[in-house]
Amino acid sequence: MPSTSQPLNYPKSRKADQVDDYHGTLVADPYRWLEDPDSEETKAWVEAQNQVTFGYLSEIPTRETLK
């Protein structure tokens, strides 16, 4: 298994000031910007997340066996 002594360095996730009013109930949705798959910002965030994920997974010695 990959070493757990080094913490994973996840990319920062921007929090927006998005709040919706549903019949008088305010609901915060600070990560709604991630719902736009065509946004350059979303694409960059996904790519950064994938680098962390696949970097970690590539260190698992039995990964190919599990595929």
N, C-alpha and C. Protein backbone atom coordinates (compact mmCIF):
# COMPACT_ATOMS: atom_id res chain seq x y z
N MET A 1 0.84 -1.19 0.00
CA MET A 1 0.00 0.00 0.00
C MET A 1 0.88 1.24 0.00
N PRO A 2 0.38 2.32 -0.52
CA PRO A 2 1.14 3.57 -0.50
C PRO A 2 1.43 4.02 0.93
N SER A 3 2.50 4.73 1.07
CA SER A 3 2.89 5.23 2.38
C SER A 3 1.86 6.23 2.89
N THR A 4 1.44 6.05 4.12
CA THR A 4 0.49 6.99 4.72
C THR A 4 1.21 8.02 5.57
N SER A 5 2.55 7.97 5.58
CA SER A 5 3.29 8.94 6.38
C SER A 5 3.24 10.34 5.77
N GLN A 6 3.03 10.41 4.48
CA GLN A 6 2.92 11.70 3.80
C GLN A 6 1.45 12.00 3.55
N PRO A 7 0.95 13.13 4.04
CA PRO A 7 -0.45 13.45 3.77
C PRO A 7 -0.66 13.78 2.29
N LEU A 8 -1.82 13.43 1.79
CA LEU A 8 -2.14 13.76 0.40
C LEU A 8 -2.38 15.26 0.31
N ASN A 9 -1.88 15.87 -0.74
CA ASN A 9 -2.01 17.31 -0.94
C ASN A 9 -3.14 17.59 -1.92
N TYR A 10 -4.36 17.63 -1.39
CA TYR A 10 -5.52 17.87 -2.24
C TYR A 10 -5.56 19.33 -2.70
N PRO A 11 -6.07 19.56 -3.91
CA PRO A 11 -6.21 20.95 -4.38
C PRO A 11 -7.27 21.68 -3.56
N LYS A 12 -7.10 22.97 -3.46
CA LYS A 12 -8.07 23.79 -2.74
C LYS A 12 -9.39 23.81 -3.52
N SER A 13 -10.47 23.81 -2.78
CA SER A 13 -11.80 23.90 -3.37
C SER A 13 -12.40 25.25 -2.99
N ARG A 14 -12.53 26.11 -3.97
CA ARG A 14 -13.06 27.44 -3.72
C ARG A 14 -14.49 27.35 -3.21
N LYS A 15 -14.81 28.18 -2.22
CA LYS A 15 -16.17 28.27 -1.70
C LYS A 15 -16.79 29.58 -2.18
N ALA A 16 -17.88 29.46 -2.91
CA ALA A 16 -18.59 30.64 -3.42
C ALA A 16 -19.67 31.06 -2.42
N ASP A 17 -20.14 32.27 -2.57
CA ASP A 17 -21.20 32.79 -1.71
C ASP A 17 -22.57 32.54 -2.34
N GLN A 18 -22.80 31.33 -2.79
CA GLN A 18 -24.08 30.97 -3.42
C GLN A 18 -25.07 30.54 -2.34
N VAL A 19 -26.20 31.23 -2.27
CA VAL A 19 -27.27 30.88 -1.33
C VAL A 19 -28.59 30.95 -2.09
N ASP A 20 -29.40 29.92 -1.95
CA ASP A 20 -30.72 29.89 -2.57
C ASP A 20 -31.79 30.02 -1.50
N ASP A 21 -32.89 30.61 -1.90
CA ASP A 21 -34.03 30.78 -1.00
C ASP A 21 -35.15 29.86 -1.48
N TYR A 22 -35.38 28.79 -0.73
CA TYR A 22 -36.44 27.85 -1.06
C TYR A 22 -37.62 28.09 -0.13
N HIS A 23 -38.54 28.90 -0.58
CA HIS A 23 -39.77 29.20 0.18
C HIS A 23 -39.44 29.70 1.58
N GLY A 24 -38.46 30.59 1.67
CA GLY A 24 -38.10 31.18 2.95
C GLY A 24 -36.99 30.47 3.69
N THR A 25 -36.54 29.33 3.18
CA THR A 25 -35.43 28.61 3.79
C THR A 25 -34.18 28.86 2.97
N LEU A 26 -33.17 29.46 3.59
CA LEU A 26 -31.92 29.75 2.90
C LEU A 26 -31.03 28.51 2.93
N VAL A 27 -30.55 28.14 1.75
CA VAL A 27 -29.70 26.96 1.61
C VAL A 27 -28.41 27.37 0.92
N ALA A 28 -27.30 27.20 1.62
CA ALA A 28 -25.99 27.53 1.05
C ALA A 28 -25.56 26.42 0.09
N ASP A 29 -24.96 26.80 -1.01
CA ASP A 29 -24.45 25.85 -2.00
C ASP A 29 -23.10 26.37 -2.50
N PRO A 30 -22.08 26.36 -1.63
CA PRO A 30 -20.80 26.99 -1.96
C PRO A 30 -20.00 26.30 -3.07
N TYR A 31 -20.38 25.08 -3.40
CA TYR A 31 -19.62 24.36 -4.43
C TYR A 31 -20.42 24.17 -5.72
N ARG A 32 -21.45 24.95 -5.90
CA ARG A 32 -22.27 24.81 -7.12
C ARG A 32 -21.44 25.03 -8.37
N TRP A 33 -20.43 25.85 -8.28
CA TRP A 33 -19.60 26.12 -9.46
C TRP A 33 -19.02 24.83 -10.04
N LEU A 34 -18.90 23.78 -9.22
CA LEU A 34 -18.37 22.51 -9.71
C LEU A 34 -19.39 21.74 -10.56
N GLU A 35 -20.63 22.18 -10.56
CA GLU A 35 -21.67 21.50 -11.32
C GLU A 35 -21.60 21.81 -12.82
N ASP A 36 -20.79 22.78 -13.20
CA ASP A 36 -20.66 23.13 -14.62
C ASP A 36 -19.47 22.37 -15.21
N PRO A 37 -19.72 21.24 -15.88
CA PRO A 37 -18.61 20.43 -16.40
C PRO A 37 -17.82 21.10 -17.52
N ASP A 38 -18.37 22.14 -18.12
CA ASP A 38 -17.69 22.82 -19.22
C ASP A 38 -16.86 24.02 -18.77
N SER A 39 -16.95 24.35 -17.49
CA SER A 39 -16.20 25.48 -16.95
C SER A 39 -14.71 25.15 -16.90
N GLU A 40 -13.88 26.09 -17.31
CA GLU A 40 -12.42 25.88 -17.24
C GLU A 40 -11.98 25.67 -15.80
N GLU A 41 -12.61 26.37 -14.87
CA GLU A 41 -12.26 26.23 -13.46
C GLU A 41 -12.59 24.82 -12.96
N THR A 42 -13.74 24.30 -13.35
CA THR A 42 -14.12 22.94 -12.96
C THR A 42 -13.18 21.93 -13.58
N LYS A 43 -12.86 22.10 -14.85
CA LYS A 43 -11.95 21.17 -15.52
C LYS A 43 -10.58 21.15 -14.84
N ALA A 44 -10.08 22.31 -14.45
CA ALA A 44 -8.78 22.39 -13.77
C ALA A 44 -8.85 21.72 -12.40
N TRP A 45 -9.97 21.90 -11.69
CA TRP A 45 -10.14 21.29 -10.38
C TRP A 45 -10.18 19.76 -10.50
N VAL A 46 -10.92 19.25 -11.49
CA VAL A 46 -11.00 17.80 -11.71
C VAL A 46 -9.63 17.24 -12.06
N GLU A 47 -8.90 17.92 -12.92
CA GLU A 47 -7.57 17.46 -13.30
C GLU A 47 -6.65 17.40 -12.08
N ALA A 48 -6.69 18.41 -11.24
CA ALA A 48 -5.86 18.42 -10.03
C ALA A 48 -6.26 17.29 -9.09
N GLN A 49 -7.55 17.04 -8.94
CA GLN A 49 -8.02 15.92 -8.11
C GLN A 49 -7.54 14.59 -8.69
N ASN A 50 -7.63 14.45 -10.00
CA ASN A 50 -7.19 13.21 -10.65
C ASN A 50 -5.70 12.97 -10.46
N GLN A 51 -4.91 14.02 -10.49
CA GLN A 51 -3.47 13.85 -10.27
C GLN A 51 -3.20 13.28 -8.88
N VAL A 52 -3.90 13.76 -7.88
CA VAL A 52 -3.73 13.24 -6.52
C VAL A 52 -4.19 11.79 -6.46
N THR A 53 -5.38 11.53 -6.99
CA THR A 53 -5.95 10.19 -6.93
C THR A 53 -5.10 9.16 -7.66
N PHE A 54 -4.79 9.43 -8.92
CA PHE A 54 -4.04 8.45 -9.69
C PHE A 54 -2.59 8.34 -9.24
N GLY A 55 -2.05 9.41 -8.68
CA GLY A 55 -0.72 9.33 -8.09
C GLY A 55 -0.70 8.36 -6.92
N TYR A 56 -1.73 8.41 -6.10
CA TYR A 56 -1.86 7.50 -4.96
C TYR A 56 -2.10 6.06 -5.44
N LEU A 57 -3.05 5.91 -6.36
CA LEU A 57 -3.39 4.57 -6.83
C LEU A 57 -2.23 3.89 -7.54
N SER A 58 -1.41 4.66 -8.22
CA SER A 58 -0.28 4.07 -8.96
C SER A 58 0.76 3.45 -8.03
N GLU A 59 0.72 3.81 -6.76
CA GLU A 59 1.68 3.28 -5.79
C GLU A 59 1.23 1.96 -5.16
N ILE A 60 0.02 1.52 -5.45
CA ILE A 60 -0.47 0.26 -4.89
C ILE A 60 0.15 -0.89 -5.68
N PRO A 61 0.97 -1.72 -5.02
CA PRO A 61 1.69 -2.76 -5.75
C PRO A 61 0.79 -3.76 -6.48
N THR A 62 -0.38 -4.05 -5.96
CA THR A 62 -1.25 -5.06 -6.56
C THR A 62 -2.34 -4.45 -7.44
N ARG A 63 -2.19 -3.21 -7.80
CA ARG A 63 -3.25 -2.53 -8.57
C ARG A 63 -3.54 -3.23 -9.89
N GLU A 64 -2.53 -3.61 -10.62
CA GLU A 64 -2.74 -4.27 -11.91
C GLU A 64 -3.46 -5.60 -11.74
N THR A 65 -3.17 -6.30 -10.67
CA THR A 65 -3.84 -7.57 -10.40
C THR A 65 -5.32 -7.34 -10.14
N LEU A 66 -5.64 -6.25 -9.47
CA LEU A 66 -7.03 -5.96 -9.14
C LEU A 66 -7.84 -5.51 -10.35
N LYS A 67 -7.17 -4.99 -11.37
CA LYS A 67 -7.90 -4.54 -12.56
C LYS A 67 -8.47 -5.73 -13.22
